[in-house]
Structures are given as C-alpha cells and as structure tokens.
Amino acid sequence: MNAPQVVVHRDKELMARAAAARMITKIVDAQAARGSASVVLTGGRNGNGLLAALAEAPARDAVDWSRLDLWWGDERFLPDGDPERNVTQAREALLDSVPLDPARVHVMAPSNGAYGNDADAAAEAYAAELAAAAGPEDHGPVPSFDVLLLGVGPDTHVASLFPELPAVRETERTVVGVHGAPKPPPVRISLTLPAIRAAREVWLLAAGEDKAKAAAIALSGAGEIQAPAAGARGRRRTLWLLDEAAAAQLPRALYPPASA
C-alpha cells in the first residue's frame, strides 16, 4: 500500500466541489474500463457536502448512474427514514435526484427492518451481500470498491470504528455491529478495517479546525487501534482531502506545497 497523499483546499466548499469532480472522473473511468463502478459512501457533514456538490456539478451527467453500485461504510442503527440515518441524508443530498438502479443501492438494514433490533444480525446480512457481490478478481469477501469515502472524526474515528473499541480490532469479519459508540446513537453497523482496505482507493475527508488534531495524529504514524483513521488505506491509493483549517497542525513535511 502506498503512502497517503494529502491535498489541501482553501475551504470546505472548495474541497467538496473538487472532491465531487474527482469522483465523477473516477466513476467515468471505471465504467469505461469495466462497464460499472462501485463507491462506498460516508455520512457526516463532509460526506454529505460532497454528495450535494455532486448533485450540483454540471458534469454529473457524464456518469451512467444505472451502472453504479453504492455501498455504505457505516450506518446508524435507527428506523427506516430516520433523518439521522446516513442513507436518509444521502437520498436528500443526491440519490433521489439521479437515475440510480435501486437494486444497486446497497443499504444497511434499519432497526425496524428484517432483523429487528439485532444489529449483529444486520451486520452479518450486509457482509453476506458484500460477499455475494465479490467476484474471483476481488480475491476476498468484498468487492474491490473503486472509491471508499470516509469522514474523519475529531477523535480519529472513521466509519463507526472508534479508538480502542472492539470493532477497530476486528481482523476477520468485514462488517460488525457496534455497541456503546461514544457518540449517539450508540448502536451502529460498520465495515471493518479489512473491508475498508479492500478498496482500490480510500479517500478521507476532513474540514474544519475541529479535525486538525485528528488529521495530524493519523498522518504522523499513530497506531490504528488508537487512531482508526491511520489504518484506513486503499490498495492503490490513499487520499486525504482537507481544507486549510483541518490541515493546520500537519507537520510541514506532510503539507503539500502545490495544494489548491
């Protein structure tokens, strides 16, 4: 796996627009090469900001939305339609405005779904869905996602993998139920680090001064148990997309001189 690349933008709005442009290019290239593309979405203000920028991008029509598989890195285990669910926010920001194939929108089960309030069973079902979508070329139990998006929390958490909690230590399963998360809601479903690291590219998004310490810790050699963002890596590329406020505490050696 390659060393992380860092790109710093002036502010979060520019970061979102630039990330959306990158995403369109990546999806179009993947569809041209293989006929389809797969992206793992993230929630939070930066993940939703990217989706909103995608919705407004003039080039969005270059994407064949019917040949795009969408997955989620994590989900809040709440009832279907709850405004705090990542999928609810994603639909509002982008998904309801583009012609996706519903069969290719892979949603994590809600707490009032087929598995009731059993987050572990819901996680097992999502792992099975991932495994079913993986082909021989993927060499593992999850597809080789073209891009996997992650927001970075102020505590360095990514997806719903929080520092020191059991989920970040998982090495065998690809999806787990998370119990006792330190931020609400306490029950969640999350991809694990092995599943995240199956992606061709992992993009980590961080904007705002409240993310500056987390970005500096994760990019300065911290261990993944203490700083889960440090363990989020793509097989071909790991890209940190920051605004100037989130990059403020980076060591100068990591701060790219040519960032926009």
C-alpha atoms as a PDB file:
ATOM      1  CA  MET A   1       0.000   0.000   0.000  1.00  0.00           C
ATOM      2  CA  ASN A   2       1.266   3.438  -0.943  1.00  0.00           C
ATOM      3  CA  ALA A   3       1.921   6.286   1.442  1.00  0.00           C
ATOM      4  CA  PRO A   4      -1.063   8.608   1.877  1.00  0.00           C
ATOM      5  CA  GLN A   5      -1.351  11.579  -0.452  1.00  0.00           C
ATOM      6  CA  VAL A   6      -2.561  14.873   1.021  1.00  0.00           C
ATOM      7  CA  VAL A   7      -4.434  17.592  -0.854  1.00  0.00           C
ATOM      8  CA  VAL A   8      -5.340  20.813   0.956  1.00  0.00           C
ATOM      9  CA  HIS A   9      -8.062  23.128  -0.317  1.00  0.00           C
ATOM     10  CA  ARG A  10      -8.780  26.688   0.780  1.00  0.00           C
ATOM     11  CA  ASP A  11     -12.119  25.910   2.445  1.00  0.00           C
ATOM     12  CA  LYS A  12     -14.686  23.150   2.847  1.00  0.00           C
ATOM     13  CA  GLU A  13     -16.832  24.344  -0.057  1.00  0.00           C
ATOM     14  CA  LEU A  14     -13.924  24.186  -2.487  1.00  0.00           C
ATOM     15  CA  MET A  15     -12.904  20.854  -1.022  1.00  0.00           C
ATOM     16  CA  ALA A  16     -16.391  19.451  -1.648  1.00  0.00           C
ATOM     17  CA  ARG A  17     -16.523  20.707  -5.230  1.00  0.00           C
ATOM     18  CA  ALA A  18     -13.048  19.408  -6.028  1.00  0.00           C
ATOM     19  CA  ALA A  19     -13.811  16.038  -4.455  1.00  0.00           C
ATOM     20  CA  ALA A  20     -17.021  15.818  -6.491  1.00  0.00           C
ATOM     21  CA  ALA A  21     -15.066  16.493  -9.683  1.00  0.00           C
ATOM     22  CA  ARG A  22     -12.552  13.801  -8.724  1.00  0.00           C
ATOM     23  CA  MET A  23     -15.381  11.389  -8.050  1.00  0.00           C
ATOM     24  CA  ILE A  24     -17.061  11.972 -11.403  1.00  0.00           C
ATOM     25  CA  THR A  25     -13.769  11.336 -13.192  1.00  0.00           C
ATOM     26  CA  LYS A  26     -13.096   8.181 -11.187  1.00  0.00           C
ATOM     27  CA  ILE A  27     -16.578   6.738 -11.828  1.00  0.00           C
ATOM     28  CA  VAL A  28     -16.495   7.544 -15.550  1.00  0.00           C
ATOM     29  CA  ASP A  29     -13.032   5.981 -15.909  1.00  0.00           C
ATOM     30  CA  ALA A  30     -14.087   2.834 -14.046  1.00  0.00           C
ATOM     31  CA  GLN A  31     -17.228   2.476 -16.142  1.00  0.00           C
ATOM     32  CA  ALA A  32     -15.200   2.886 -19.326  1.00  0.00           C
ATOM     33  CA  ALA A  33     -12.713   0.245 -18.173  1.00  0.00           C
ATOM     34  CA  ARG A  34     -15.023  -2.352 -16.632  1.00  0.00           C
ATOM     35  CA  GLY A  35     -18.598  -1.387 -17.530  1.00  0.00           C
ATOM     36  CA  SER A  36     -19.584  -0.449 -13.983  1.00  0.00           C
ATOM     37  CA  ALA A  37     -18.250   1.275 -10.896  1.00  0.00           C
ATOM     38  CA  SER A  38     -18.638   0.888  -7.143  1.00  0.00           C
ATOM     39  CA  VAL A  39     -18.411   3.574  -4.475  1.00  0.00           C
ATOM     40  CA  VAL A  40     -18.739   3.366  -0.702  1.00  0.00           C
ATOM     41  CA  LEU A  41     -20.445   6.422   0.762  1.00  0.00           C
ATOM     42  CA  THR A  42     -19.932   8.078   4.114  1.00  0.00           C
ATOM     43  CA  GLY A  43     -22.192  10.304   6.164  1.00  0.00           C
ATOM     44  CA  GLY A  44     -21.415  13.371   8.209  1.00  0.00           C
ATOM     45  CA  ARG A  45     -21.092  16.943   7.088  1.00  0.00           C
ATOM     46  CA  ASN A  46     -18.201  16.343   4.713  1.00  0.00           C
ATOM     47  CA  GLY A  47     -19.624  13.207   3.138  1.00  0.00           C
ATOM     48  CA  ASN A  48     -22.966  14.894   2.610  1.00  0.00           C
ATOM     49  CA  GLY A  49     -21.227  18.036   1.379  1.00  0.00           C
ATOM     50  CA  LEU A  50     -19.512  16.008  -1.327  1.00  0.00           C
ATOM     51  CA  LEU A  51     -22.837  14.446  -2.370  1.00  0.00           C
ATOM     52  CA  ALA A  52     -24.510  17.853  -2.534  1.00  0.00           C
ATOM     53  CA  ALA A  53     -21.646  19.128  -4.688  1.00  0.00           C
ATOM     54  CA  LEU A  54     -22.072  16.101  -6.944  1.00  0.00           C
ATOM     55  CA  ALA A  55     -25.754  16.913  -7.337  1.00  0.00           C
ATOM     56  CA  GLU A  56     -24.867  20.443  -8.486  1.00  0.00           C
ATOM     57  CA  ALA A  57     -21.923  19.500 -10.714  1.00  0.00           C
ATOM     58  CA  PRO A  58     -22.581  20.169 -14.419  1.00  0.00           C
ATOM     59  CA  ALA A  59     -20.513  17.078 -15.287  1.00  0.00           C
ATOM     60  CA  ARG A  60     -22.670  14.718 -13.230  1.00  0.00           C
ATOM     61  CA  ASP A  61     -24.486  13.614 -16.382  1.00  0.00           C
ATOM     62  CA  ALA A  62     -21.239  12.069 -17.630  1.00  0.00           C
ATOM     63  CA  VAL A  63     -21.878   9.280 -15.102  1.00  0.00           C
ATOM     64  CA  ASP A  64     -24.059   6.355 -16.118  1.00  0.00           C
ATOM     65  CA  TRP A  65     -25.876   6.220 -12.805  1.00  0.00           C
ATOM     66  CA  SER A  66     -27.611   2.957 -13.733  1.00  0.00           C
ATOM     67  CA  ARG A  67     -24.228   1.211 -13.769  1.00  0.00           C
ATOM     68  CA  LEU A  68     -23.073   2.414 -10.357  1.00  0.00           C
ATOM     69  CA  ASP A  69     -23.130   0.301  -7.188  1.00  0.00           C
ATOM     70  CA  LEU A  70     -23.417   2.274  -3.962  1.00  0.00           C
ATOM     71  CA  TRP A  71     -22.477   0.843  -0.583  1.00  0.00           C
ATOM     72  CA  TRP A  72     -22.099   2.395   2.857  1.00  0.00           C
ATOM     73  CA  GLY A  73     -19.130   2.366   5.186  1.00  0.00           C
ATOM     74  CA  ASP A  74     -21.373   2.536   8.219  1.00  0.00           C
ATOM     75  CA  GLU A  75     -24.899   3.283   9.302  1.00  0.00           C
ATOM     76  CA  ARG A  76     -26.697   4.448  12.385  1.00  0.00           C
ATOM     77  CA  PHE A  77     -28.937   1.598  13.523  1.00  0.00           C
ATOM     78  CA  LEU A  78     -32.166   3.580  13.559  1.00  0.00           C
ATOM     79  CA  PRO A  79     -35.612   3.096  11.972  1.00  0.00           C
ATOM     80  CA  ASP A  80     -36.023   3.380   8.224  1.00  0.00           C
ATOM     81  CA  GLY A  81     -36.413   7.006   7.188  1.00  0.00           C
ATOM     82  CA  ASP A  82     -34.911   8.416  10.379  1.00  0.00           C
ATOM     83  CA  PRO A  83     -33.301  11.763   9.492  1.00  0.00           C
ATOM     84  CA  GLU A  84     -30.102  10.742  11.280  1.00  0.00           C
ATOM     85  CA  ARG A  85     -29.530   7.693   9.075  1.00  0.00           C
ATOM     86  CA  ASN A  86     -26.753   8.138   6.541  1.00  0.00           C
ATOM     87  CA  VAL A  87     -28.903   6.780   3.724  1.00  0.00           C
ATOM     88  CA  THR A  88     -31.692   9.258   4.508  1.00  0.00           C
ATOM     89  CA  GLN A  89     -29.246  12.149   4.297  1.00  0.00           C
ATOM     90  CA  ALA A  90     -27.654  10.747   1.133  1.00  0.00           C
ATOM     91  CA  ARG A  91     -31.012  10.469  -0.591  1.00  0.00           C
ATOM     92  CA  GLU A  92     -31.767  14.086   0.208  1.00  0.00           C
ATOM     93  CA  ALA A  93     -28.340  15.308  -0.886  1.00  0.00           C
ATOM     94  CA  LEU A  94     -28.037  13.358  -4.153  1.00  0.00           C
ATOM     95  CA  LEU A  95     -29.544   9.928  -4.604  1.00  0.00           C
ATOM     96  CA  ASP A  96     -33.147  10.987  -5.182  1.00  0.00           C
ATOM     97  CA  SER A  97     -32.058  13.323  -7.981  1.00  0.00           C
ATOM     98  CA  VAL A  98     -30.126  10.836 -10.166  1.00  0.00           C
ATOM     99  CA  PRO A  99     -31.367   7.744 -12.078  1.00  0.00           C
ATOM    100  CA  LEU A 100     -29.826   5.003  -9.958  1.00  0.00           C
ATOM    101  CA  ASP A 101     -30.777   1.334 -10.295  1.00  0.00           C
ATOM    102  CA  PRO A 102     -32.473   0.598  -6.932  1.00  0.00           C
ATOM    103  CA  ALA A 103     -31.042  -2.929  -6.975  1.00  0.00           C
ATOM    104  CA  ARG A 104     -27.547  -1.447  -6.945  1.00  0.00           C
ATOM    105  CA  VAL A 105     -28.120   0.789  -3.916  1.00  0.00           C
ATOM    106  CA  HIS A 106     -26.976  -1.445  -1.060  1.00  0.00           C
ATOM    107  CA  VAL A 107     -28.487  -0.072   2.142  1.00  0.00           C
ATOM    108  CA  MET A 108     -27.649  -1.357   5.613  1.00  0.00           C
ATOM    109  CA  ALA A 109     -30.726  -2.642   7.425  1.00  0.00           C
ATOM    110  CA  PRO A 110     -32.633  -0.282   9.732  1.00  0.00           C
ATOM    111  CA  SER A 111     -33.588  -1.118  13.298  1.00  0.00           C
ATOM    112  CA  ASN A 112     -37.183  -1.778  12.240  1.00  0.00           C
ATOM    113  CA  GLY A 113     -36.223  -3.967   9.303  1.00  0.00           C
ATOM    114  CA  ALA A 114     -35.925  -7.697   8.687  1.00  0.00           C
ATOM    115  CA  TYR A 115     -33.521  -8.211  11.602  1.00  0.00           C
ATOM    116  CA  GLY A 116     -35.435  -6.200  14.152  1.00  0.00           C
ATOM    117  CA  ASN A 117     -33.196  -4.581  16.728  1.00  0.00           C
ATOM    118  CA  ASP A 118     -30.393  -7.134  16.218  1.00  0.00           C
ATOM    119  CA  ALA A 119     -27.553  -5.040  14.829  1.00  0.00           C
ATOM    120  CA  ASP A 120     -25.215  -8.035  14.751  1.00  0.00           C
ATOM    121  CA  ALA A 121     -27.600  -9.982  12.524  1.00  0.00           C
ATOM    122  CA  ALA A 122     -27.984  -6.954  10.272  1.00  0.00           C
ATOM    123  CA  ALA A 123     -24.193  -6.700  10.040  1.00  0.00           C
ATOM    124  CA  GLU A 124     -23.921 -10.392   9.103  1.00  0.00           C
ATOM    125  CA  ALA A 125     -26.508  -9.874   6.366  1.00  0.00           C
ATOM    126  CA  TYR A 126     -24.569  -6.935   4.919  1.00  0.00           C
ATOM    127  CA  ALA A 127     -21.376  -8.988   4.996  1.00  0.00           C
ATOM    128  CA  ALA A 128     -23.189 -11.703   3.052  1.00  0.00           C
ATOM    129  CA  GLU A 129     -24.393  -9.152   0.496  1.00  0.00           C
ATOM    130  CA  LEU A 130     -20.843  -7.907   0.044  1.00  0.00           C
ATOM    131  CA  ALA A 131     -19.539 -11.437  -0.350  1.00  0.00           C
ATOM    132  CA  ALA A 132     -22.185 -12.188  -2.971  1.00  0.00           C
ATOM    133  CA  ALA A 133     -21.103  -9.131  -4.966  1.00  0.00           C
ATOM    134  CA  ALA A 134     -17.413 -10.046  -4.856  1.00  0.00           C
ATOM    135  CA  GLY A 135     -16.012 -11.763  -7.909  1.00  0.00           C
ATOM    136  CA  PRO A 136     -12.985 -14.031  -8.426  1.00  0.00           C
ATOM    137  CA  GLU A 137     -10.907 -10.997  -9.355  1.00  0.00           C
ATOM    138  CA  ASP A 138     -11.525  -9.473  -5.929  1.00  0.00           C
ATOM    139  CA  HIS A 139      -9.585 -12.156  -4.058  1.00  0.00           C
ATOM    140  CA  GLY A 140     -11.660 -11.748  -0.918  1.00  0.00           C
ATOM    141  CA  PRO A 141     -15.098 -11.440   0.658  1.00  0.00           C
ATOM    142  CA  VAL A 142     -15.836  -7.874  -0.504  1.00  0.00           C
ATOM    143  CA  PRO A 143     -15.758  -6.185  -3.921  1.00  0.00           C
ATOM    144  CA  SER A 144     -12.729  -4.111  -4.899  1.00  0.00           C
ATOM    145  CA  PHE A 145     -14.514  -0.785  -4.498  1.00  0.00           C
ATOM    146  CA  ASP A 146     -13.329   1.911  -6.877  1.00  0.00           C
ATOM    147  CA  VAL A 147     -13.540   4.584  -4.179  1.00  0.00           C
ATOM    148  CA  LEU A 148     -14.352   4.257  -0.498  1.00  0.00           C
ATOM    149  CA  LEU A 149     -15.179   7.553   1.202  1.00  0.00           C
ATOM    150  CA  LEU A 150     -14.581   8.161   4.894  1.00  0.00           C
ATOM    151  CA  GLY A 151     -15.174  11.151   7.091  1.00  0.00           C
ATOM    152  CA  VAL A 152     -12.669  11.627   9.893  1.00  0.00           C
ATOM    153  CA  GLY A 153     -13.998  12.375  13.361  1.00  0.00           C
ATOM    154  CA  PRO A 154     -12.279  14.696  15.851  1.00  0.00           C
ATOM    155  CA  ASP A 155     -11.310  11.561  17.797  1.00  0.00           C
ATOM    156  CA  THR A 156      -9.824   9.994  14.608  1.00  0.00           C
ATOM    157  CA  HIS A 157     -12.742   7.579  14.128  1.00  0.00           C
ATOM    158  CA  VAL A 158     -13.700   6.524  10.615  1.00  0.00           C
ATOM    159  CA  ALA A 159     -16.945   4.786   9.642  1.00  0.00           C
ATOM    160  CA  SER A 160     -18.103   3.642  13.100  1.00  0.00           C
ATOM    161  CA  LEU A 161     -14.683   2.395  14.147  1.00  0.00           C
ATOM    162  CA  PHE A 162     -13.857   4.296  17.317  1.00  0.00           C
ATOM    163  CA  PRO A 163     -10.489   4.321  19.110  1.00  0.00           C
ATOM    164  CA  GLU A 164      -9.863   1.314  21.335  1.00  0.00           C
ATOM    165  CA  LEU A 165     -13.341  -0.206  20.858  1.00  0.00           C
ATOM    166  CA  PRO A 166     -13.709  -3.850  19.744  1.00  0.00           C
ATOM    167  CA  ALA A 167     -14.761  -3.047  16.175  1.00  0.00           C
ATOM    168  CA  VAL A 168     -11.450  -1.420  15.291  1.00  0.00           C
ATOM    169  CA  ARG A 169      -9.622  -4.565  16.452  1.00  0.00           C
ATOM    170  CA  GLU A 170     -11.623  -6.874  14.177  1.00  0.00           C
ATOM    171  CA  THR A 171      -9.433  -8.759  11.712  1.00  0.00           C
ATOM    172  CA  GLU A 172     -11.720 -11.500  10.361  1.00  0.00           C
ATOM    173  CA  ARG A 173     -15.225 -10.136   9.773  1.00  0.00           C
ATOM    174  CA  THR A 174     -15.960  -7.496   7.133  1.00  0.00           C
ATOM    175  CA  VAL A 175     -18.994  -5.931   8.841  1.00  0.00           C
ATOM    176  CA  VAL A 176     -19.791  -5.712  12.550  1.00  0.00           C
ATOM    177  CA  GLY A 177     -22.425  -4.395  14.858  1.00  0.00           C
ATOM    178  CA  VAL A 178     -21.084  -1.575  17.021  1.00  0.00           C
ATOM    179  CA  HIS A 179     -22.408  -1.229  20.562  1.00  0.00           C
ATOM    180  CA  GLY A 180     -21.644   1.552  23.001  1.00  0.00           C
ATOM    181  CA  ALA A 181     -20.388   4.073  20.456  1.00  0.00           C
ATOM    182  CA  PRO A 182     -19.164   7.197  22.262  1.00  0.00           C
ATOM    183  CA  LYS A 183     -21.362   9.454  20.121  1.00  0.00           C
ATOM    184  CA  PRO A 184     -25.082   8.940  19.531  1.00  0.00           C
ATOM    185  CA  PRO A 185     -26.653   6.749  18.517  1.00  0.00           C
ATOM    186  CA  PRO A 186     -24.735   4.109  20.467  1.00  0.00           C
ATOM    187  CA  VAL A 187     -25.691   1.218  18.165  1.00  0.00           C
ATOM    188  CA  ARG A 188     -24.355   1.188  14.614  1.00  0.00           C
ATOM    189  CA  ILE A 189     -23.224  -1.072  11.789  1.00  0.00           C
ATOM    190  CA  SER A 190     -19.779  -0.625  10.289  1.00  0.00           C
ATOM    191  CA  LEU A 191     -17.337  -2.004   7.784  1.00  0.00           C
ATOM    192  CA  THR A 192     -14.137  -3.140   9.451  1.00  0.00           C
ATOM    193  CA  LEU A 193     -10.607  -2.150   8.531  1.00  0.00           C
ATOM    194  CA  PRO A 194     -10.050  -5.328   6.446  1.00  0.00           C
ATOM    195  CA  ALA A 195     -13.118  -4.450   4.343  1.00  0.00           C
ATOM    196  CA  ILE A 196     -12.029  -0.826   4.014  1.00  0.00           C
ATOM    197  CA  ARG A 197      -8.573  -1.878   2.861  1.00  0.00           C
ATOM    198  CA  ALA A 198     -10.075  -3.945   0.022  1.00  0.00           C
ATOM    199  CA  ALA A 199     -10.909  -0.712  -1.826  1.00  0.00           C
ATOM    200  CA  ARG A 200      -8.756   0.370  -4.728  1.00  0.00           C
ATOM    201  CA  GLU A 201      -8.802   3.909  -3.364  1.00  0.00           C
ATOM    202  CA  VAL A 202      -9.715   5.256   0.069  1.00  0.00           C
ATOM    203  CA  TRP A 203     -10.475   8.972   0.328  1.00  0.00           C
ATOM    204  CA  LEU A 204     -10.558  10.528   3.794  1.00  0.00           C
ATOM    205  CA  LEU A 205     -12.403  13.835   4.139  1.00  0.00           C
ATOM    206  CA  ALA A 206     -11.766  16.348   6.897  1.00  0.00           C
ATOM    207  CA  ALA A 207     -12.692  20.013   7.076  1.00  0.00           C
ATOM    208  CA  GLY A 208     -12.754  22.432   9.979  1.00  0.00           C
ATOM    209  CA  GLU A 209     -10.424  23.246  12.843  1.00  0.00           C
ATOM    210  CA  ASP A 210     -12.041  20.553  14.990  1.00  0.00           C
ATOM    211  CA  LYS A 211     -10.486  17.945  12.659  1.00  0.00           C
ATOM    212  CA  ALA A 212      -6.957  19.383  12.693  1.00  0.00           C
ATOM    213  CA  LYS A 213      -5.609  17.359  15.607  1.00  0.00           C
ATOM    214  CA  ALA A 214      -7.147  14.130  14.277  1.00  0.00           C
ATOM    215  CA  ALA A 215      -5.602  14.615  10.838  1.00  0.00           C
ATOM    216  CA  ALA A 216      -2.194  15.353  12.334  1.00  0.00           C
ATOM    217  CA  ILE A 217      -2.317  12.291  14.598  1.00  0.00           C
ATOM    218  CA  ALA A 218      -3.473   9.913  11.881  1.00  0.00           C
ATOM    219  CA  LEU A 219      -0.899  11.144   9.370  1.00  0.00           C
ATOM    220  CA  SER A 220       2.005  11.094  11.822  1.00  0.00           C
ATOM    221  CA  GLY A 221       2.385   7.372  12.321  1.00  0.00           C
ATOM    222  CA  ALA A 222      -0.181   6.657  15.043  1.00  0.00           C
ATOM    223  CA  GLY A 223      -1.413   3.099  15.508  1.00  0.00           C
ATOM    224  CA  GLU A 224      -4.797   2.164  14.090  1.00  0.00           C
ATOM    225  CA  ILE A 225      -6.210   0.946  17.410  1.00  0.00           C
ATOM    226  CA  GLN A 226      -5.635   4.360  18.974  1.00  0.00           C
ATOM    227  CA  ALA A 227      -6.322   6.280  15.728  1.00  0.00           C
ATOM    228  CA  PRO A 228      -8.552   4.282  13.376  1.00  0.00           C
ATOM    229  CA  ALA A 229      -8.085   6.786  10.542  1.00  0.00           C
ATOM    230  CA  ALA A 230      -4.432   5.759  10.437  1.00  0.00           C
ATOM    231  CA  GLY A 231      -5.485   2.248   9.446  1.00  0.00           C
ATOM    232  CA  ALA A 232      -7.764   3.311   6.581  1.00  0.00           C
ATOM    233  CA  ARG A 233      -5.762   2.641   3.441  1.00  0.00           C
ATOM    234  CA  GLY A 234      -6.539   1.823  -0.157  1.00  0.00           C
ATOM    235  CA  ARG A 235      -4.801  -0.919  -2.110  1.00  0.00           C
ATOM    236  CA  ARG A 236      -3.717   1.508  -4.829  1.00  0.00           C
ATOM    237  CA  ARG A 237      -4.156   4.932  -3.294  1.00  0.00           C
ATOM    238  CA  THR A 238      -4.968   6.637  -0.015  1.00  0.00           C
ATOM    239  CA  LEU A 239      -6.032  10.249  -0.444  1.00  0.00           C
ATOM    240  CA  TRP A 240      -6.581  12.759   2.347  1.00  0.00           C
ATOM    241  CA  LEU A 241      -8.741  15.677   1.219  1.00  0.00           C
ATOM    242  CA  LEU A 242      -8.516  18.542   3.706  1.00  0.00           C
ATOM    243  CA  ASP A 243      -9.315  22.205   3.982  1.00  0.00           C
ATOM    244  CA  GLU A 244      -6.766  24.626   5.386  1.00  0.00           C
ATOM    245  CA  ALA A 245      -8.311  24.559   8.850  1.00  0.00           C
ATOM    246  CA  ALA A 246      -8.094  20.755   9.082  1.00  0.00           C
ATOM    247  CA  ALA A 247      -4.521  20.814   7.777  1.00  0.00           C
ATOM    248  CA  ALA A 248      -3.350  23.459  10.245  1.00  0.00           C
ATOM    249  CA  GLN A 249      -1.499  21.038  12.542  1.00  0.00           C
ATOM    250  CA  LEU A 250       0.100  18.832   9.906  1.00  0.00           C
ATOM    251  CA  PRO A 251       3.875  18.534  10.035  1.00  0.00           C
ATOM    252  CA  ARG A 252       5.322  20.719   7.271  1.00  0.00           C
ATOM    253  CA  ALA A 253       6.798  17.634   5.626  1.00  0.00           C
ATOM    254  CA  LEU A 254       3.278  16.349   5.006  1.00  0.00           C
ATOM    255  CA  TYR A 255       1.771  19.633   3.823  1.00  0.00           C
ATOM    256  CA  PRO A 256       1.766  19.586   0.021  1.00  0.00           C
ATOM    257  CA  PRO A 257       3.174  22.807  -1.418  1.00  0.00           C
ATOM    258  CA  ALA A 258       1.001  22.745  -4.541  1.00  0.00           C
ATOM    259  CA  SER A 259      -2.420  22.281  -2.951  1.00  0.00           C
ATOM    260  CA  ALA A 260      -5.274  24.383  -4.286  1.00  0.00           C
END
